[in-house]
Protein backbone atom coordinates (compact mmCIF):
# COMPACT_ATOMS: atom_id res chain seq x y z
CA MET A 1 12.81 7.92 26.22
CA THR A 2 14.46 4.64 25.79
CA GLU A 3 13.73 2.91 22.17
CA SER A 4 12.42 -0.05 24.93
CA ALA A 5 10.77 2.69 27.10
CA PHE A 6 8.99 3.69 23.66
CA ARG A 7 8.17 0.19 22.45
CA GLN A 8 6.41 -1.01 25.97
CA GLU A 9 5.02 2.74 25.69
CA VAL A 10 3.55 1.27 22.40
CA ARG A 11 2.62 -1.96 23.57
CA GLU A 12 0.20 -0.51 26.06
CA PHE A 13 -1.43 1.61 23.44
CA LEU A 14 -2.21 -0.86 21.05
CA ALA A 15 -3.53 -3.51 24.34
CA GLU A 16 -6.10 -0.83 25.28
CA SER A 17 -7.11 0.06 21.79
CA LEU A 18 -7.08 -2.76 19.63
CA THR A 19 -10.72 -3.91 19.69
CA PRO A 20 -11.18 -7.97 19.43
CA GLU A 21 -13.03 -6.79 15.40
CA ILE A 22 -10.20 -4.51 14.54
CA ALA A 23 -7.48 -7.03 15.74
CA ARG A 24 -8.65 -10.09 13.77
CA ALA A 25 -9.62 -7.33 10.84
CA GLY A 26 -5.92 -7.42 10.50
CA GLU A 27 -5.20 -10.64 11.33
CA LEU A 28 -7.38 -11.85 8.68
CA MET A 29 -5.37 -9.36 5.76
CA THR A 30 -5.31 -10.95 2.49
CA SER A 31 -3.73 -8.25 1.00
CA VAL A 32 -2.89 -4.43 0.84
CA PHE A 33 -6.31 -3.89 2.94
CA ALA A 34 -8.16 -4.86 5.33
CA ASP A 35 -12.06 -4.65 6.53
CA PHE A 36 -12.88 -0.85 5.22
CA ASP A 37 -14.86 0.03 8.46
CA ALA A 38 -12.70 -1.27 10.95
CA THR A 39 -9.94 0.13 9.53
CA MET A 40 -11.32 3.27 9.68
CA ASP A 41 -12.21 3.14 13.18
CA TRP A 42 -8.70 2.44 13.53
CA HIS A 43 -7.80 5.24 11.90
CA LYS A 44 -9.46 7.33 13.81
CA ARG A 45 -8.72 6.10 16.91
CA LEU A 46 -4.95 6.66 15.69
CA HIS A 47 -5.76 10.09 14.69
CA ARG A 48 -7.25 10.84 18.38
CA LYS A 49 -3.40 9.64 19.77
CA GLY A 50 -2.01 11.73 17.18
CA TRP A 51 0.23 8.93 15.85
CA VAL A 52 -1.85 8.62 12.41
CA ALA A 53 1.04 9.92 10.43
CA PRO A 54 4.65 9.56 12.10
CA ASP A 55 6.12 9.92 8.78
CA TRP A 56 5.36 13.60 8.57
CA PRO A 57 6.84 16.28 9.59
CA GLN A 58 5.46 17.49 13.03
CA GLU A 59 4.15 20.97 11.73
CA TYR A 60 1.57 19.18 9.38
CA GLY A 61 0.05 16.56 12.07
CA GLY A 62 3.32 14.43 11.78
CA THR A 63 4.65 12.67 15.40
CA GLY A 64 8.03 14.01 15.83
CA TRP A 65 9.61 10.52 16.14
CA THR A 66 13.04 9.19 15.49
CA LEU A 67 13.61 6.53 12.24
CA SER A 68 13.84 4.14 15.21
CA GLU A 69 10.45 5.10 16.89
CA ARG A 70 8.57 4.93 13.58
CA TYR A 71 9.75 1.13 12.91
CA ILE A 72 9.38 0.31 16.40
CA PHE A 73 5.86 1.27 15.78
CA GLN A 74 5.15 -0.30 12.77
CA GLU A 75 6.35 -3.05 13.38
CA GLU A 76 4.52 -3.50 17.13
CA CYS A 77 1.12 -2.36 14.98
CA LYS A 78 2.33 -5.12 12.49
CA LEU A 79 2.39 -8.22 15.02
CA ALA A 80 -0.66 -7.01 17.32
CA ASN A 81 -2.67 -7.44 14.32
CA ALA A 82 -3.77 -4.23 13.62
CA PRO A 83 -4.99 -3.33 10.30
CA ALA A 84 -2.41 -1.38 7.72
CA LEU A 85 -4.08 2.23 7.03
CA PHE A 86 -5.08 3.06 3.50
CA ALA A 87 -1.68 4.22 2.06
CA MET A 88 -2.94 6.54 -1.16
CA GLY A 89 -3.48 9.48 1.75
CA LEU A 90 -1.15 9.34 4.08
CA GLN A 91 1.89 7.24 3.07
CA MET A 92 1.84 8.91 -0.62
CA LEU A 93 -0.54 11.67 -1.60
CA GLY A 94 0.41 13.48 1.70
CA PRO A 95 3.89 13.66 1.50
CA MET A 96 4.00 14.88 -1.89
CA LEU A 97 1.72 17.65 -1.24
CA ILE A 98 3.68 18.31 1.04
CA ARG A 99 6.54 19.08 -1.05
CA TYR A 100 4.43 20.46 -4.11
CA GLY A 101 0.86 21.23 -3.04
CA THR A 102 0.25 25.67 -2.75
CA GLU A 103 -0.32 26.59 1.30
CA GLU A 104 -4.10 26.48 0.08
CA GLN A 105 -4.03 22.77 -0.96
CA ASN A 106 -2.56 21.96 2.18
CA ASN A 107 -4.32 23.65 4.65
CA TYR A 108 -7.32 22.14 2.57
CA TYR A 109 -6.31 18.47 2.10
CA LEU A 110 -4.09 17.45 4.99
CA PRO A 111 -5.99 17.90 7.64
CA ARG A 112 -8.46 15.86 6.46
CA MET A 113 -6.51 13.19 5.38
CA LEU A 114 -5.35 12.99 9.13
CA SER A 115 -8.69 12.96 10.36
CA GLY A 116 -9.95 10.46 7.46
CA GLU A 117 -12.69 12.75 6.53
CA ASP A 118 -11.06 11.82 3.06
CA VAL A 119 -9.98 8.48 1.57
CA TRP A 120 -8.18 8.51 -1.24
CA CYS A 121 -7.35 6.30 -4.08
CA GLN A 122 -4.88 6.60 -7.42
CA GLY A 123 -5.59 7.04 -11.21
CA TYR A 124 -2.34 6.54 -12.46
CA SER A 125 -3.03 3.95 -15.04
CA GLU A 126 -5.57 3.14 -17.61
CA PRO A 127 -6.32 0.17 -19.86
CA GLY A 128 -3.61 1.07 -22.11
CA ALA A 129 -1.34 2.52 -20.02
CA GLY A 130 0.33 0.53 -17.08
CA SER A 131 3.51 -0.47 -16.61
CA ASP A 132 4.39 1.90 -19.40
CA LEU A 133 2.35 4.95 -17.83
CA ALA A 134 3.83 8.20 -19.57
CA SER A 135 1.32 6.33 -22.90
CA LEU A 136 -1.42 7.76 -21.16
CA ILE A 137 -3.82 9.39 -22.94
CA THR A 138 -7.10 10.41 -20.09
CA ALA A 139 -7.32 13.75 -21.24
CA ALA A 140 -7.94 16.78 -18.97
CA VAL A 141 -8.69 20.53 -21.09
CA ARG A 142 -8.30 23.97 -19.84
CA ASP A 143 -11.63 25.49 -20.04
CA GLY A 144 -11.73 28.83 -18.28
CA ASP A 145 -11.29 28.23 -14.19
CA ASP A 146 -11.86 24.50 -14.61
CA TYR A 147 -10.79 21.43 -15.91
CA ILE A 148 -12.43 18.73 -18.60
CA ILE A 149 -11.63 15.50 -17.71
CA ASN A 150 -12.48 12.66 -20.53
CA GLY A 151 -11.30 9.18 -20.55
CA SER A 152 -10.80 6.22 -17.66
CA LYS A 153 -8.57 4.22 -15.16
CA ILE A 154 -8.34 1.08 -14.27
CA TRP A 155 -7.24 -1.25 -11.59
CA THR A 156 -8.11 1.92 -8.94
CA SER A 157 -7.46 0.28 -5.22
CA TYR A 158 -10.91 0.55 -2.82
CA ALA A 159 -12.32 3.58 -5.20
CA GLN A 160 -15.54 2.12 -3.97
CA HIS A 161 -14.71 3.87 -0.59
CA SER A 162 -12.97 6.62 -1.75
CA ASN A 163 -14.18 10.44 -1.51
CA LYS A 164 -11.32 12.07 -3.77
CA ILE A 165 -8.96 10.22 -6.29
CA PHE A 166 -5.44 11.97 -7.45
CA CYS A 167 -4.67 11.78 -11.19
CA LEU A 168 -2.48 11.46 -13.84
CA VAL A 169 -4.03 13.62 -16.97
CA ARG A 170 -2.88 14.50 -20.45
CA THR A 171 -2.81 17.95 -20.53
CA SER A 172 -0.72 18.22 -23.68
CA LYS A 173 0.24 16.35 -26.93
CA GLU A 174 3.44 17.89 -27.81
CA GLY A 175 6.96 16.91 -27.51
CA LYS A 176 8.04 13.93 -25.44
CA PRO A 177 4.80 12.00 -23.70
CA GLN A 178 5.96 12.68 -20.51
CA ALA A 179 5.91 16.57 -20.85
CA GLY A 180 2.73 16.70 -21.56
CA ILE A 181 1.25 15.30 -18.26
CA SER A 182 -0.39 17.20 -15.32
CA PHE A 183 -1.48 16.19 -11.78
CA ILE A 184 -5.07 16.84 -10.62
CA LEU A 185 -7.07 16.27 -7.49
CA VAL A 186 -10.78 14.92 -8.24
CA ASP A 187 -14.06 14.74 -6.14
CA MET A 188 -15.38 11.26 -6.92
CA ASP A 189 -19.13 12.82 -6.23
CA THR A 190 -18.13 15.11 -9.45
CA GLU A 191 -20.83 14.76 -12.21
CA GLY A 192 -19.95 12.75 -14.82
CA LEU A 193 -17.44 10.49 -13.04
CA LYS A 194 -18.49 6.22 -12.74
CA VAL A 195 -16.74 3.64 -10.55
CA GLU A 196 -17.26 0.12 -11.85
CA PRO A 197 -16.00 -2.45 -9.56
CA ILE A 198 -14.07 -5.32 -10.21
CA VAL A 199 -14.18 -8.64 -8.35
CA GLY A 200 -10.99 -10.46 -8.22
CA LEU A 201 -10.39 -13.92 -8.34
CA ASP A 202 -10.68 -14.51 -4.78
CA GLY A 203 -14.10 -13.16 -4.72
CA THR A 204 -13.87 -9.55 -3.28
CA VAL A 205 -13.56 -6.22 -4.69
CA GLU A 206 -10.91 -4.04 -4.22
CA GLN A 207 -9.67 -2.69 -7.60
CA CYS A 208 -12.01 -0.84 -9.70
CA GLN A 209 -12.21 0.73 -13.23
CA VAL A 210 -13.49 4.89 -12.83
CA TYR A 211 -14.94 6.96 -15.79
CA PHE A 212 -14.93 10.27 -16.84
CA ASP A 213 -17.05 11.53 -18.34
CA ASN A 214 -16.81 15.77 -19.19
CA VAL A 215 -15.71 15.84 -15.69
CA ARG A 216 -15.37 19.39 -14.21
CA VAL A 217 -12.94 20.03 -11.94
CA PRO A 218 -11.44 23.43 -10.41
CA ALA A 219 -8.14 24.62 -12.20
CA ALA A 220 -7.49 25.39 -8.35
CA ASN A 221 -6.66 21.43 -8.14
CA LEU A 222 -4.01 21.18 -10.33
CA VAL A 223 -0.63 19.99 -8.34
CA GLY A 224 2.83 21.79 -9.31
CA ALA A 225 2.57 23.26 -12.84
CA GLU A 226 0.41 22.26 -15.82
CA ASN A 227 2.56 19.41 -17.90
CA GLN A 228 4.81 19.11 -15.40
CA GLY A 229 3.29 16.10 -13.56
CA TRP A 230 5.50 13.56 -14.92
CA ASP A 231 7.60 14.73 -11.80
CA VAL A 232 5.28 15.10 -9.13
CA ALA A 233 4.10 11.61 -10.03
CA LYS A 234 7.94 10.33 -10.04
CA SER A 235 8.01 11.89 -6.13
CA LEU A 236 4.95 10.08 -5.12
CA LEU A 237 6.24 6.87 -6.97
CA GLU A 238 8.68 6.93 -4.62
CA PHE A 239 7.33 7.02 -1.52
CA GLU A 240 4.83 4.16 -2.78
CA ARG A 241 7.99 2.25 -3.68
CA GLY A 242 10.48 3.06 -0.80
CA GLY A 243 8.10 3.94 1.96
CA HIS A 244 6.67 0.82 2.42
CA ASN A 245 8.05 -1.49 5.01
CA PHE A 246 8.27 -4.29 3.42
CA THR A 247 9.81 -6.74 6.27
CA ILE A 248 7.46 -5.62 8.81
CA ASP A 249 4.92 -7.31 6.72
CA HIS A 250 7.69 -10.08 6.16
CA LYS A 251 7.92 -10.54 9.48
CA LYS A 252 4.19 -11.45 10.10
CA GLN A 253 4.03 -13.52 7.53
CA MET A 254 6.97 -15.56 8.90
CA ALA A 255 5.17 -15.16 12.58
CA LYS A 256 2.11 -17.25 10.52
CA ILE A 257 4.07 -19.16 8.58
CA ASP A 258 5.84 -20.76 12.17
CA ARG A 259 2.85 -21.51 13.73
CA GLN A 260 1.49 -23.28 10.63
CA ALA A 261 4.95 -25.12 10.37
CA SER A 262 4.58 -25.58 14.47
CA SER A 263 0.60 -27.80 13.92
CA GLN A 264 0.66 -29.25 10.34
CA TYR A 265 2.14 -32.72 8.95
CA SER A 266 4.03 -33.00 5.82
CA GLU A 267 3.50 -36.54 4.06
CA ASP A 268 5.61 -38.44 5.59
CA ASN A 269 3.60 -37.33 8.54
CA THR A 270 6.21 -35.05 10.56
CA LEU A 271 5.54 -31.63 11.57
CA TRP A 272 6.83 -28.98 8.46
CA LYS A 273 8.84 -27.32 11.23
CA ASP A 274 10.84 -30.38 11.28
CA ASN A 275 11.03 -31.27 7.13
CA PRO A 276 15.08 -30.29 6.66
CA ILE A 277 13.90 -29.43 2.91
CA PHE A 278 11.49 -26.98 4.13
CA ALA A 279 13.34 -25.70 7.01
CA ALA A 280 16.40 -24.68 4.19
CA LYS A 281 14.17 -23.11 1.99
CA LEU A 282 12.46 -21.54 4.67
CA SER A 283 15.87 -19.91 5.98
CA ASP A 284 16.92 -18.78 2.52
CA VAL A 285 13.69 -16.57 2.58
CA ALA A 286 14.32 -15.35 6.21
CA VAL A 287 18.25 -14.51 5.32
CA ASP A 288 17.07 -12.55 2.22
CA ALA A 289 14.05 -10.70 3.94
CA LEU A 290 16.97 -9.61 6.55
CA ALA A 291 18.99 -8.43 4.09
CA LEU A 292 16.36 -6.56 2.85
CA GLU A 293 15.22 -4.93 6.07
CA PHE A 294 18.90 -3.16 6.38
CA THR A 295 18.22 -1.50 2.87
CA GLU A 296 14.85 -0.63 4.15
CA LEU A 297 16.03 1.30 6.84
CA ARG A 298 18.81 3.01 4.38
CA VAL A 299 16.09 4.38 2.85
CA LYS A 300 14.39 5.26 5.80
CA GLY A 301 17.54 7.41 6.91
CA ALA A 302 18.19 9.44 3.47
CA PHE A 303 14.47 10.53 4.15
CA GLU A 304 15.03 11.70 7.25
CA ALA A 305 18.22 13.48 6.20
CA GLY A 306 16.18 15.29 3.27
CA GLY A 307 17.08 12.85 0.48
CA ASN A 308 14.93 10.76 -1.54
CA ALA A 309 14.95 7.01 -2.26
CA GLY A 310 15.66 7.37 -5.61
CA ALA A 311 16.59 4.03 -7.20
CA LEU A 312 16.55 2.14 -4.20
CA SER A 313 12.77 2.69 -3.78
CA SER A 314 13.02 0.29 -7.21
CA LEU A 315 15.36 -1.82 -5.56
CA ILE A 316 13.05 -2.00 -2.40
CA LYS A 317 9.61 -2.71 -4.45
CA VAL A 318 11.13 -5.88 -6.40
CA MET A 319 12.64 -7.65 -3.72
CA GLY A 320 10.33 -6.97 -0.81
CA THR A 321 7.06 -7.99 -3.30
CA GLU A 322 9.06 -11.27 -4.27
CA ILE A 323 10.60 -12.37 -1.09
CA GLY A 324 6.54 -11.71 0.35
CA GLN A 325 5.49 -13.83 -3.21
CA ARG A 326 8.28 -16.50 -1.67
CA PHE A 327 6.69 -16.76 1.79
CA ASN A 328 3.25 -17.29 0.61
CA GLU A 329 4.63 -20.30 -1.89
CA LEU A 330 5.69 -22.09 1.33
CA SER A 331 2.68 -21.28 3.16
CA LEU A 332 0.85 -22.42 0.20
CA GLU A 333 3.23 -25.80 0.40
CA MET A 334 2.40 -26.57 4.00
CA MET A 335 -1.74 -25.95 3.80
CA ALA A 336 -2.01 -27.97 0.81
CA GLU A 337 -5.64 -29.14 -0.02
CA HIS A 338 -6.87 -27.01 2.85
CA ALA A 339 -6.00 -23.56 1.28
CA PHE A 340 -8.68 -24.91 -1.48
CA VAL A 341 -11.83 -23.95 0.44
CA LYS A 342 -13.65 -20.75 -0.39
CA GLN A 343 -15.08 -19.13 2.74
CA LEU A 344 -15.27 -15.44 1.91
CA ASP A 345 -17.69 -15.15 5.16
CA ALA A 346 -15.28 -16.07 6.74
CA LEU A 347 -12.93 -13.41 6.43
CA LEU A 348 -15.56 -11.13 8.11
CA PRO A 349 -13.93 -9.59 11.27
CA SER A 350 -17.82 -10.02 12.69
CA PHE A 351 -17.70 -14.16 11.37
CA GLU A 352 -18.74 -16.38 14.57
CA GLY A 353 -18.85 -19.63 12.74
CA GLU A 354 -17.06 -22.65 11.98
CA THR A 355 -14.45 -22.88 9.71
CA ILE A 356 -13.56 -25.90 7.63
CA GLY A 357 -10.18 -26.99 8.30
CA PRO A 358 -7.26 -25.32 9.94
CA ASP A 359 -8.02 -21.53 11.21
CA CYS A 360 -4.23 -20.91 10.61
CA GLY A 361 -4.76 -21.44 6.82
CA LEU A 362 -8.13 -19.93 6.58
CA THR A 363 -6.49 -17.15 4.30
CA THR A 364 -3.16 -18.89 2.70
CA MET A 365 -4.77 -18.84 -0.75
CA ALA A 366 -6.39 -15.57 -0.76
CA GLU A 367 -2.86 -14.07 0.22
CA TYR A 368 -1.28 -16.14 -2.67
CA ILE A 369 -3.85 -14.85 -5.26
CA ASN A 370 -4.00 -11.51 -4.24
CA ASN A 371 -0.22 -10.89 -4.25
CA ARG A 372 0.80 -12.22 -7.52
CA SER A 373 -0.20 -8.48 -8.39
CA ALA A 374 1.90 -7.12 -5.96
CA THR A 375 5.49 -7.70 -8.34
CA ILE A 376 3.26 -5.74 -10.88
CA TYR A 377 1.11 -2.58 -9.19
CA GLY A 378 3.64 0.33 -8.18
CA GLY A 379 5.52 -0.70 -11.48
CA SER A 380 6.29 -4.04 -12.89
CA ALA A 381 9.30 -6.02 -11.50
CA GLU A 382 10.34 -5.63 -15.04
CA ILE A 383 10.35 -1.72 -15.43
CA GLN A 384 11.90 -1.92 -12.23
CA ARG A 385 14.98 -3.47 -12.95
CA ASP A 386 15.40 -1.91 -15.99
CA ILE A 387 15.81 1.52 -13.59
CA ILE A 388 18.07 -0.18 -11.27
CA ALA A 389 20.07 -1.27 -14.33
CA LYS A 390 20.12 2.20 -15.97
CA ARG A 391 20.47 4.29 -12.71
CA VAL A 392 22.16 2.12 -10.46
CA LEU A 393 24.49 -0.26 -12.83
CA HIS A 394 24.54 2.31 -15.47
CA LEU A 395 24.01 -0.22 -17.73
């Protein structure tokens, strides 16, 4: 099948399968998450089609598509306002389990990930261990066939909707801090585990703190060897940092900015698209986004050839998030006072009332606020630049 024929097939599927409510949920995304119910509805539709995990090997439930076909699919989904699927399982844990998991773990967890039966969250950061992840103190002590976990994790995205969490835990205090860390899978309904939501600046809950009070977990849930979890974690972070197509997100942002610039007026009563200073700033960001797109495709090519992103994943993480923030700032500049009206109800897919101000600015402020954290989560920009300096520039 030619790429143009494949693109047409994807468009036809999207036209048939994206209900107005699902598409509205995708259009109203103000962060990496869309409305939970709409997202799970979309997840299940993709699963029935066999398209829910395009990046997985075909023998594990992937599509067998080429790199170009996967990119086309993600691009068409984004531009059609399909909600982004929850990445913790499909994008990060799934590929990592395929590499490091036992046959029993893969046979049990991977199908449930594909079907949407399990929704995963990530237990990495702690109140005293964020960018310096090796300083984590949540402890797992071996007790017969189980581990007993005590401690807490924070900034745990969508823990309130998840029934599973993968965690880094300390199983030894000997040697370097990284040497005593293990990777373990935990059921969220286990006795002693508590989730406390954190309300964000935009008034919504996306992050939580998760508490472990003598949480007993089977030792069979360990991924990789005990005290070798740091290698597993680094592998997963490469999928998190380099596996995301930031430039596809940027294309959606640019399409939104084009709509705003063609309908909103600047202080001199001219359309923003006709403002030469604004046009120059937009062009500058667009050029950087195009350069990043080619870098992302290089990384995807390395994955397809059996390699890994390595330090390039850090480069993509830095540039992808910072370019996204620059787009947010341009949108905020155009919408001005219209962006300051808080309308949480209007961001629900089921909302049918009237909005205050232009619809094209409804998500602007929430996107700007939420995306400030993009250069922190998944490894802060400062840490990523350190990695680039050491592993690419050899400084």
